[in-house]
Amino acid sequence: MINRLKRIFSRLAFLCAGQKPSFEGPGLSGIIADWVEPLLSEYSDSNNEIENIIDLTSNCWNIGACPKDHRAELWGLLIQPIVEEHFYEHRHDLQGKLRKLIKVREKLYAHDPRFILDFRFKYRRSQLRLDIFSTRDLSPSQFMAGLDALIHQSELNA
């Protein structure tokens, strides 16, 4: 459900912004690909698992940009359900690695204003091709408010 909400949020943000904003810094697709690669060798056997790993690492990026007092809530919303449903037998190990990624985001990329809204990937011959779609037009509070609104809307539609 959250993946669907994030993709809707992504479309709305890009429609409002009109184009992908530029940012003078390292490419976000490369950063996330570097985070994803070690996890893929340990936890993925299928395209669905690859997508879930990319989703988890993208969520770690976003959580690391949000205020610390909201991170437990975001973890429970964006990370925990995916880990429990798709990686249950490896959950403790994977959760530890994901928490480290949030700390890396916080320490090395604290100045980076981008939020990840969507991604696309291809995985061929053991090679990941990842495109990350992000925006710097959202503050952490706007990002969280957007997620809250989408969750509320999905609950009304359920």
N, C-alpha and C. Protein backbone atom coordinates (compact mmCIF):
# COMPACT_ATOMS: atom_id res chain seq x y z
N MET A 1 0.82 -1.19 0.00
CA MET A 1 0.00 0.00 0.00
C MET A 1 0.87 1.26 0.00
N ILE A 2 1.92 1.27 0.82
CA ILE A 2 2.77 2.46 0.92
C ILE A 2 3.47 2.73 -0.40
N ASN A 3 3.92 1.67 -1.09
CA ASN A 3 4.56 1.87 -2.39
C ASN A 3 3.62 2.58 -3.34
N ARG A 4 2.37 2.14 -3.36
CA ARG A 4 1.37 2.77 -4.23
C ARG A 4 1.18 4.24 -3.83
N LEU A 5 1.13 4.51 -2.55
CA LEU A 5 0.96 5.88 -2.08
C LEU A 5 2.13 6.75 -2.49
N LYS A 6 3.33 6.21 -2.35
CA LYS A 6 4.50 7.00 -2.72
C LYS A 6 4.53 7.30 -4.21
N ARG A 7 4.10 6.37 -5.02
CA ARG A 7 4.08 6.61 -6.46
C ARG A 7 3.04 7.68 -6.82
N ILE A 8 1.92 7.65 -6.14
CA ILE A 8 0.90 8.70 -6.34
C ILE A 8 1.47 10.04 -5.92
N PHE A 9 2.11 10.07 -4.76
CA PHE A 9 2.75 11.28 -4.24
C PHE A 9 3.79 11.78 -5.25
N SER A 10 4.53 10.86 -5.81
CA SER A 10 5.55 11.18 -6.80
C SER A 10 4.93 11.88 -8.00
N ARG A 11 3.87 11.30 -8.53
CA ARG A 11 3.22 11.89 -9.70
C ARG A 11 2.69 13.29 -9.39
N LEU A 12 2.10 13.45 -8.22
CA LEU A 12 1.58 14.76 -7.84
C LEU A 12 2.69 15.78 -7.72
N ALA A 13 3.78 15.40 -7.11
CA ALA A 13 4.90 16.33 -6.93
C ALA A 13 5.49 16.74 -8.27
N PHE A 14 5.66 15.78 -9.18
CA PHE A 14 6.22 16.12 -10.48
C PHE A 14 5.27 16.94 -11.32
N LEU A 15 3.97 16.70 -11.20
CA LEU A 15 3.01 17.53 -11.92
C LEU A 15 3.07 18.96 -11.42
N CYS A 16 3.23 19.13 -10.12
CA CYS A 16 3.30 20.48 -9.55
C CYS A 16 4.60 21.17 -9.93
N ALA A 17 5.71 20.43 -9.87
CA ALA A 17 7.01 21.02 -10.13
C ALA A 17 7.24 21.22 -11.63
N GLY A 18 6.65 20.35 -12.44
CA GLY A 18 6.80 20.48 -13.87
C GLY A 18 8.06 19.86 -14.43
N GLN A 19 9.11 19.77 -13.64
CA GLN A 19 10.34 19.16 -14.11
C GLN A 19 11.19 18.74 -12.93
N LYS A 20 12.13 17.89 -13.21
CA LYS A 20 13.04 17.42 -12.18
C LYS A 20 14.04 18.53 -11.85
N PRO A 21 14.12 18.97 -10.60
CA PRO A 21 15.02 20.07 -10.27
C PRO A 21 16.47 19.63 -10.33
N SER A 22 17.34 20.57 -10.62
CA SER A 22 18.77 20.25 -10.64
C SER A 22 19.33 20.41 -9.24
N PHE A 23 20.43 19.72 -9.00
CA PHE A 23 21.08 19.79 -7.70
C PHE A 23 22.57 19.61 -7.91
N GLU A 24 23.35 20.48 -7.34
CA GLU A 24 24.80 20.37 -7.44
C GLU A 24 25.29 19.46 -6.32
N GLY A 25 25.46 18.23 -6.64
CA GLY A 25 25.93 17.24 -5.66
C GLY A 25 26.01 15.89 -6.33
N PRO A 26 26.35 14.88 -5.56
CA PRO A 26 26.47 13.54 -6.16
C PRO A 26 25.12 13.04 -6.66
N GLY A 27 25.17 12.24 -7.70
CA GLY A 27 23.95 11.68 -8.27
C GLY A 27 23.27 10.74 -7.29
N LEU A 28 22.02 10.98 -7.06
CA LEU A 28 21.26 10.19 -6.10
C LEU A 28 21.09 8.74 -6.58
N SER A 29 20.97 8.54 -7.88
CA SER A 29 20.88 7.17 -8.40
C SER A 29 22.13 6.38 -8.04
N GLY A 30 23.29 7.01 -8.15
CA GLY A 30 24.55 6.34 -7.81
C GLY A 30 24.67 6.05 -6.33
N ILE A 31 24.26 6.99 -5.49
CA ILE A 31 24.31 6.79 -4.05
C ILE A 31 23.43 5.61 -3.65
N ILE A 32 22.20 5.61 -4.11
CA ILE A 32 21.27 4.54 -3.74
C ILE A 32 21.73 3.21 -4.34
N ALA A 33 22.24 3.21 -5.55
CA ALA A 33 22.76 1.97 -6.14
C ALA A 33 23.89 1.41 -5.28
N ASP A 34 24.76 2.28 -4.77
CA ASP A 34 25.83 1.82 -3.88
C ASP A 34 25.28 1.23 -2.59
N TRP A 35 24.20 1.77 -2.10
CA TRP A 35 23.56 1.23 -0.89
C TRP A 35 22.88 -0.10 -1.18
N VAL A 36 22.30 -0.22 -2.36
CA VAL A 36 21.50 -1.38 -2.73
C VAL A 36 22.37 -2.61 -3.02
N GLU A 37 23.46 -2.42 -3.74
CA GLU A 37 24.26 -3.54 -4.23
C GLU A 37 24.60 -4.59 -3.16
N PRO A 38 25.15 -4.20 -2.00
CA PRO A 38 25.49 -5.23 -1.01
C PRO A 38 24.26 -5.97 -0.47
N LEU A 39 23.14 -5.27 -0.40
CA LEU A 39 21.92 -5.90 0.10
C LEU A 39 21.34 -6.89 -0.92
N LEU A 40 21.50 -6.59 -2.19
CA LEU A 40 20.98 -7.48 -3.23
C LEU A 40 21.65 -8.85 -3.17
N SER A 41 22.95 -8.86 -2.94
CA SER A 41 23.64 -10.14 -2.90
C SER A 41 23.20 -11.00 -1.72
N GLU A 42 22.73 -10.37 -0.67
CA GLU A 42 22.30 -11.11 0.52
C GLU A 42 20.82 -11.46 0.55
N TYR A 43 19.98 -10.59 0.01
CA TYR A 43 18.55 -10.72 0.27
C TYR A 43 17.65 -10.83 -0.96
N SER A 44 18.18 -10.89 -2.16
CA SER A 44 17.26 -10.86 -3.29
C SER A 44 17.47 -12.03 -4.24
N ASP A 45 16.36 -12.58 -4.68
CA ASP A 45 16.34 -13.64 -5.68
C ASP A 45 15.41 -13.32 -6.83
N SER A 46 14.61 -12.29 -6.71
CA SER A 46 13.61 -12.00 -7.72
C SER A 46 13.49 -10.49 -7.93
N ASN A 47 12.83 -10.11 -9.02
CA ASN A 47 12.60 -8.68 -9.28
C ASN A 47 11.78 -8.04 -8.17
N ASN A 48 10.85 -8.78 -7.59
CA ASN A 48 10.05 -8.25 -6.50
C ASN A 48 10.94 -7.92 -5.29
N GLU A 49 11.86 -8.82 -4.98
CA GLU A 49 12.77 -8.56 -3.85
C GLU A 49 13.73 -7.41 -4.17
N ILE A 50 14.18 -7.33 -5.42
CA ILE A 50 15.05 -6.21 -5.81
C ILE A 50 14.29 -4.90 -5.62
N GLU A 51 13.06 -4.86 -6.08
CA GLU A 51 12.24 -3.65 -5.92
C GLU A 51 12.06 -3.30 -4.45
N ASN A 52 11.83 -4.30 -3.62
CA ASN A 52 11.65 -4.05 -2.19
C ASN A 52 12.93 -3.52 -1.55
N ILE A 53 14.09 -4.05 -1.94
CA ILE A 53 15.36 -3.55 -1.40
C ILE A 53 15.59 -2.10 -1.82
N ILE A 54 15.31 -1.78 -3.07
CA ILE A 54 15.46 -0.39 -3.52
C ILE A 54 14.49 0.51 -2.78
N ASP A 55 13.27 0.04 -2.59
CA ASP A 55 12.28 0.81 -1.85
C ASP A 55 12.75 1.06 -0.41
N LEU A 56 13.26 0.02 0.23
CA LEU A 56 13.75 0.17 1.60
C LEU A 56 14.89 1.18 1.69
N THR A 57 15.86 1.09 0.79
CA THR A 57 16.99 2.01 0.86
C THR A 57 16.55 3.44 0.53
N SER A 58 15.62 3.58 -0.40
CA SER A 58 15.08 4.91 -0.70
C SER A 58 14.36 5.49 0.51
N ASN A 59 13.62 4.63 1.20
CA ASN A 59 12.94 5.07 2.42
C ASN A 59 13.95 5.48 3.50
N CYS A 60 15.06 4.77 3.58
CA CYS A 60 16.11 5.15 4.55
C CYS A 60 16.65 6.54 4.24
N TRP A 61 16.85 6.81 2.96
CA TRP A 61 17.31 8.14 2.54
C TRP A 61 16.33 9.21 3.04
N ASN A 62 15.04 8.98 2.81
CA ASN A 62 14.03 9.97 3.19
C ASN A 62 13.91 10.09 4.71
N ILE A 63 13.94 8.98 5.41
CA ILE A 63 13.84 9.03 6.87
C ILE A 63 15.02 9.80 7.46
N GLY A 64 16.19 9.60 6.88
CA GLY A 64 17.39 10.30 7.38
C GLY A 64 17.33 11.80 7.20
N ALA A 65 16.44 12.29 6.36
CA ALA A 65 16.29 13.72 6.15
C ALA A 65 15.24 14.35 7.05
N CYS A 66 14.51 13.51 7.77
CA CYS A 66 13.41 13.99 8.61
C CYS A 66 13.87 14.17 10.05
N PRO A 67 13.15 14.99 10.81
CA PRO A 67 13.51 15.19 12.22
C PRO A 67 13.53 13.88 12.99
N LYS A 68 14.46 13.78 13.91
CA LYS A 68 14.65 12.54 14.68
C LYS A 68 13.40 12.12 15.43
N ASP A 69 12.61 13.07 15.90
CA ASP A 69 11.42 12.72 16.67
C ASP A 69 10.31 12.10 15.83
N HIS A 70 10.46 12.08 14.51
CA HIS A 70 9.47 11.45 13.63
C HIS A 70 9.98 10.15 13.01
N ARG A 71 11.22 9.81 13.27
CA ARG A 71 11.82 8.66 12.59
C ARG A 71 11.21 7.33 13.00
N ALA A 72 10.85 7.16 14.24
CA ALA A 72 10.24 5.89 14.66
C ALA A 72 8.90 5.69 13.95
N GLU A 73 8.14 6.75 13.85
CA GLU A 73 6.86 6.67 13.15
C GLU A 73 7.07 6.34 11.67
N LEU A 74 8.02 7.00 11.04
CA LEU A 74 8.31 6.75 9.63
C LEU A 74 8.85 5.34 9.42
N TRP A 75 9.69 4.87 10.35
CA TRP A 75 10.20 3.50 10.28
C TRP A 75 9.04 2.50 10.29
N GLY A 76 8.11 2.71 11.21
CA GLY A 76 6.96 1.83 11.31
C GLY A 76 6.05 1.87 10.10
N LEU A 77 6.07 2.95 9.40
CA LEU A 77 5.23 3.13 8.23
C LEU A 77 5.91 2.68 6.93
N LEU A 78 7.18 3.03 6.76
CA LEU A 78 7.87 2.83 5.49
C LEU A 78 8.82 1.63 5.44
N ILE A 79 9.33 1.21 6.58
CA ILE A 79 10.33 0.14 6.60
C ILE A 79 9.75 -1.16 7.15
N GLN A 80 9.21 -1.09 8.34
CA GLN A 80 8.77 -2.29 9.05
C GLN A 80 7.83 -3.19 8.26
N PRO A 81 6.80 -2.64 7.62
CA PRO A 81 5.88 -3.53 6.88
C PRO A 81 6.56 -4.31 5.75
N ILE A 82 7.47 -3.67 5.04
CA ILE A 82 8.16 -4.35 3.94
C ILE A 82 9.08 -5.43 4.48
N VAL A 83 9.82 -5.10 5.52
CA VAL A 83 10.74 -6.09 6.11
C VAL A 83 9.97 -7.28 6.65
N GLU A 84 8.90 -7.02 7.38
CA GLU A 84 8.12 -8.11 7.98
C GLU A 84 7.47 -9.00 6.91
N GLU A 85 6.98 -8.39 5.84
CA GLU A 85 6.27 -9.17 4.83
C GLU A 85 7.21 -9.92 3.89
N HIS A 86 8.33 -9.30 3.52
CA HIS A 86 9.16 -9.88 2.47
C HIS A 86 10.50 -10.44 2.94
N PHE A 87 10.96 -10.05 4.11
CA PHE A 87 12.29 -10.47 4.57
C PHE A 87 12.25 -10.94 6.02
N TYR A 88 11.17 -11.57 6.40
CA TYR A 88 10.94 -11.92 7.81
C TYR A 88 12.09 -12.72 8.42
N GLU A 89 12.58 -13.72 7.72
CA GLU A 89 13.62 -14.57 8.31
C GLU A 89 14.96 -13.85 8.46
N HIS A 90 15.15 -12.75 7.75
CA HIS A 90 16.38 -11.97 7.84
C HIS A 90 16.15 -10.61 8.50
N ARG A 91 15.01 -10.43 9.12
CA ARG A 91 14.58 -9.10 9.55
C ARG A 91 15.55 -8.41 10.50
N HIS A 92 16.11 -9.13 11.47
CA HIS A 92 16.99 -8.47 12.45
C HIS A 92 18.26 -7.96 11.79
N ASP A 93 18.86 -8.78 10.96
CA ASP A 93 20.08 -8.39 10.26
C ASP A 93 19.80 -7.23 9.30
N LEU A 94 18.75 -7.35 8.52
CA LEU A 94 18.41 -6.33 7.54
C LEU A 94 18.05 -5.01 8.24
N GLN A 95 17.30 -5.07 9.30
CA GLN A 95 16.93 -3.84 10.02
C GLN A 95 18.17 -3.11 10.54
N GLY A 96 19.14 -3.86 11.03
CA GLY A 96 20.39 -3.24 11.50
C GLY A 96 21.11 -2.52 10.38
N LYS A 97 21.16 -3.14 9.20
CA LYS A 97 21.82 -2.51 8.05
C LYS A 97 21.06 -1.28 7.58
N LEU A 98 19.75 -1.35 7.61
CA LEU A 98 18.95 -0.19 7.19
C LEU A 98 19.10 0.97 8.17
N ARG A 99 19.18 0.67 9.45
CA ARG A 99 19.40 1.75 10.44
C ARG A 99 20.74 2.44 10.20
N LYS A 100 21.74 1.66 9.80
CA LYS A 100 23.05 2.25 9.49
C LYS A 100 22.96 3.17 8.28
N LEU A 101 22.14 2.81 7.30
CA LEU A 101 21.98 3.67 6.12
C LEU A 101 21.34 5.01 6.51
N ILE A 102 20.41 4.98 7.42
CA ILE A 102 19.80 6.23 7.89
C ILE A 102 20.86 7.11 8.54
N LYS A 103 21.74 6.51 9.31
CA LYS A 103 22.83 7.27 9.95
C LYS A 103 23.81 7.81 8.91
N VAL A 104 24.09 7.03 7.86
CA VAL A 104 24.96 7.52 6.79
C VAL A 104 24.32 8.72 6.12
N ARG A 105 23.03 8.64 5.85
CA ARG A 105 22.31 9.76 5.23
C ARG A 105 22.42 11.00 6.11
N GLU A 106 22.21 10.79 7.39
CA GLU A 106 22.24 11.89 8.34
C GLU A 106 23.62 12.52 8.44
N LYS A 107 24.66 11.72 8.42
CA LYS A 107 26.02 12.24 8.64
C LYS A 107 26.69 12.73 7.36
N LEU A 108 26.59 11.97 6.29
CA LEU A 108 27.31 12.33 5.07
C LEU A 108 26.52 13.23 4.12
N TYR A 109 25.21 13.16 4.19
CA TYR A 109 24.38 13.88 3.22
C TYR A 109 23.36 14.80 3.89
N ALA A 110 23.65 15.26 5.07
CA ALA A 110 22.71 16.11 5.80
C ALA A 110 22.38 17.39 5.03
N HIS A 111 23.29 17.87 4.24
CA HIS A 111 23.09 19.11 3.47
C HIS A 111 22.24 18.90 2.22
N ASP A 112 22.00 17.66 1.86
CA ASP A 112 21.29 17.33 0.61
C ASP A 112 19.79 17.46 0.84
N PRO A 113 19.12 18.38 0.12
CA PRO A 113 17.70 18.63 0.37
C PRO A 113 16.74 17.68 -0.34
N ARG A 114 17.26 16.75 -1.13
CA ARG A 114 16.38 15.94 -1.98
C ARG A 114 15.65 14.84 -1.20
N PHE A 115 14.41 14.61 -1.62
CA PHE A 115 13.61 13.47 -1.17
C PHE A 115 13.38 12.58 -2.38
N ILE A 116 13.46 11.29 -2.16
CA ILE A 116 13.20 10.33 -3.23
C ILE A 116 11.70 10.11 -3.31
N LEU A 117 11.17 10.25 -4.51
CA LEU A 117 9.74 10.09 -4.72
C LEU A 117 9.40 8.83 -5.50
N ASP A 118 10.31 8.38 -6.34
CA ASP A 118 10.03 7.21 -7.16
C ASP A 118 11.34 6.68 -7.72
N PHE A 119 11.29 5.50 -8.30
CA PHE A 119 12.47 4.92 -8.94
C PHE A 119 12.03 3.93 -10.01
N ARG A 120 12.96 3.67 -10.89
CA ARG A 120 12.80 2.61 -11.89
C ARG A 120 14.12 1.86 -11.94
N PHE A 121 14.02 0.57 -12.23
CA PHE A 121 15.26 -0.20 -12.30
C PHE A 121 15.16 -1.29 -13.35
N LYS A 122 16.33 -1.68 -13.81
CA LYS A 122 16.50 -2.86 -14.66
C LYS A 122 17.67 -3.62 -14.07
N TYR A 123 17.56 -4.91 -14.05
CA TYR A 123 18.64 -5.75 -13.52
C TYR A 123 18.91 -6.82 -14.56
N ARG A 124 20.03 -6.68 -15.25
CA ARG A 124 20.39 -7.61 -16.31
C ARG A 124 21.84 -8.03 -16.15
N ARG A 125 22.05 -9.32 -16.29
CA ARG A 125 23.41 -9.88 -16.23
C ARG A 125 24.16 -9.37 -15.00
N SER A 126 23.52 -9.45 -13.87
CA SER A 126 24.10 -9.04 -12.58
C SER A 126 24.47 -7.56 -12.54
N GLN A 127 23.84 -6.75 -13.36
CA GLN A 127 24.10 -5.32 -13.40
C GLN A 127 22.82 -4.56 -13.11
N LEU A 128 22.86 -3.70 -12.10
CA LEU A 128 21.70 -2.89 -11.75
C LEU A 128 21.76 -1.56 -12.47
N ARG A 129 20.67 -1.20 -13.11
CA ARG A 129 20.51 0.12 -13.72
C ARG A 129 19.36 0.78 -12.97
N LEU A 130 19.69 1.83 -12.24
CA LEU A 130 18.73 2.46 -11.34
C LEU A 130 18.55 3.92 -11.69
N ASP A 131 17.31 4.34 -11.81
CA ASP A 131 16.97 5.75 -12.01
C ASP A 131 16.14 6.19 -10.81
N ILE A 132 16.65 7.16 -10.09
CA ILE A 132 15.97 7.71 -8.93
C ILE A 132 15.36 9.05 -9.32
N PHE A 133 14.10 9.24 -8.96
CA PHE A 133 13.42 10.50 -9.20
C PHE A 133 13.23 11.20 -7.86
N SER A 134 13.75 12.40 -7.78
CA SER A 134 13.73 13.10 -6.50
C SER A 134 13.30 14.55 -6.70
N THR A 135 13.05 15.19 -5.58
CA THR A 135 12.73 16.61 -5.61
C THR A 135 13.41 17.29 -4.43
N ARG A 136 13.77 18.50 -4.64
CA ARG A 136 14.30 19.32 -3.54
C ARG A 136 13.30 20.41 -3.17
N ASP A 137 12.12 20.31 -3.76
CA ASP A 137 11.09 21.31 -3.54
C ASP A 137 10.22 21.03 -2.33
N LEU A 138 10.54 20.00 -1.57
CA LEU A 138 9.78 19.65 -0.38
C LEU A 138 10.64 19.79 0.86
N SER A 139 10.07 20.34 1.91
CA SER A 139 10.74 20.32 3.20
C SER A 139 10.39 19.00 3.88
N PRO A 140 11.13 18.62 4.92
CA PRO A 140 10.77 17.40 5.64
C PRO A 140 9.32 17.41 6.14
N SER A 141 8.85 18.56 6.63
CA SER A 141 7.48 18.61 7.12
C SER A 141 6.48 18.47 5.97
N GLN A 142 6.77 19.01 4.81
CA GLN A 142 5.88 18.85 3.65
C GLN A 142 5.87 17.39 3.18
N PHE A 143 7.03 16.75 3.20
CA PHE A 143 7.10 15.34 2.81
C PHE A 143 6.24 14.50 3.75
N MET A 144 6.39 14.71 5.05
CA MET A 144 5.61 13.93 6.03
C MET A 144 4.12 14.25 5.92
N ALA A 145 3.79 15.50 5.69
CA ALA A 145 2.37 15.87 5.53
C ALA A 145 1.80 15.22 4.28
N GLY A 146 2.57 15.16 3.21
CA GLY A 146 2.10 14.49 2.00
C GLY A 146 1.84 13.02 2.22
N LEU A 147 2.74 12.35 2.94
CA LEU A 147 2.52 10.94 3.27
C LEU A 147 1.28 10.76 4.15
N ASP A 148 1.13 11.63 5.15
CA ASP A 148 -0.04 11.56 6.02
C ASP A 148 -1.33 11.72 5.23
N ALA A 149 -1.35 12.68 4.32
CA ALA A 149 -2.56 12.92 3.52
C ALA A 149 -2.87 11.72 2.63
N LEU A 150 -1.84 11.13 2.03
CA LEU A 150 -2.07 9.97 1.17
C LEU A 150 -2.55 8.77 1.96
N ILE A 151 -2.00 8.58 3.12
CA ILE A 151 -2.43 7.47 3.97
C ILE A 151 -3.87 7.67 4.41
N HIS A 152 -4.20 8.89 4.81
CA HIS A 152 -5.57 9.19 5.22
C HIS A 152 -6.54 8.95 4.06
N GLN A 153 -6.16 9.39 2.88
CA GLN A 153 -7.01 9.21 1.70
C GLN A 153 -7.19 7.72 1.39
N SER A 154 -6.11 6.94 1.50
CA SER A 154 -6.23 5.51 1.20
C SER A 154 -7.11 4.81 2.23
N GLU A 155 -7.07 5.26 3.47
CA GLU A 155 -7.94 4.68 4.51
C GLU A 155 -9.40 5.01 4.24
N LEU A 156 -9.66 6.21 3.72
CA LEU A 156 -11.03 6.57 3.38
C LEU A 156 -11.55 5.76 2.20
N ASN A 157 -10.65 5.44 1.28
CA ASN A 157 -11.04 4.68 0.09
C ASN A 157 -11.12 3.18 0.33
N ALA A 158 -10.59 2.73 1.46
CA ALA A 158 -10.56 1.27 1.75
C ALA A 158 -11.91 0.75 2.16
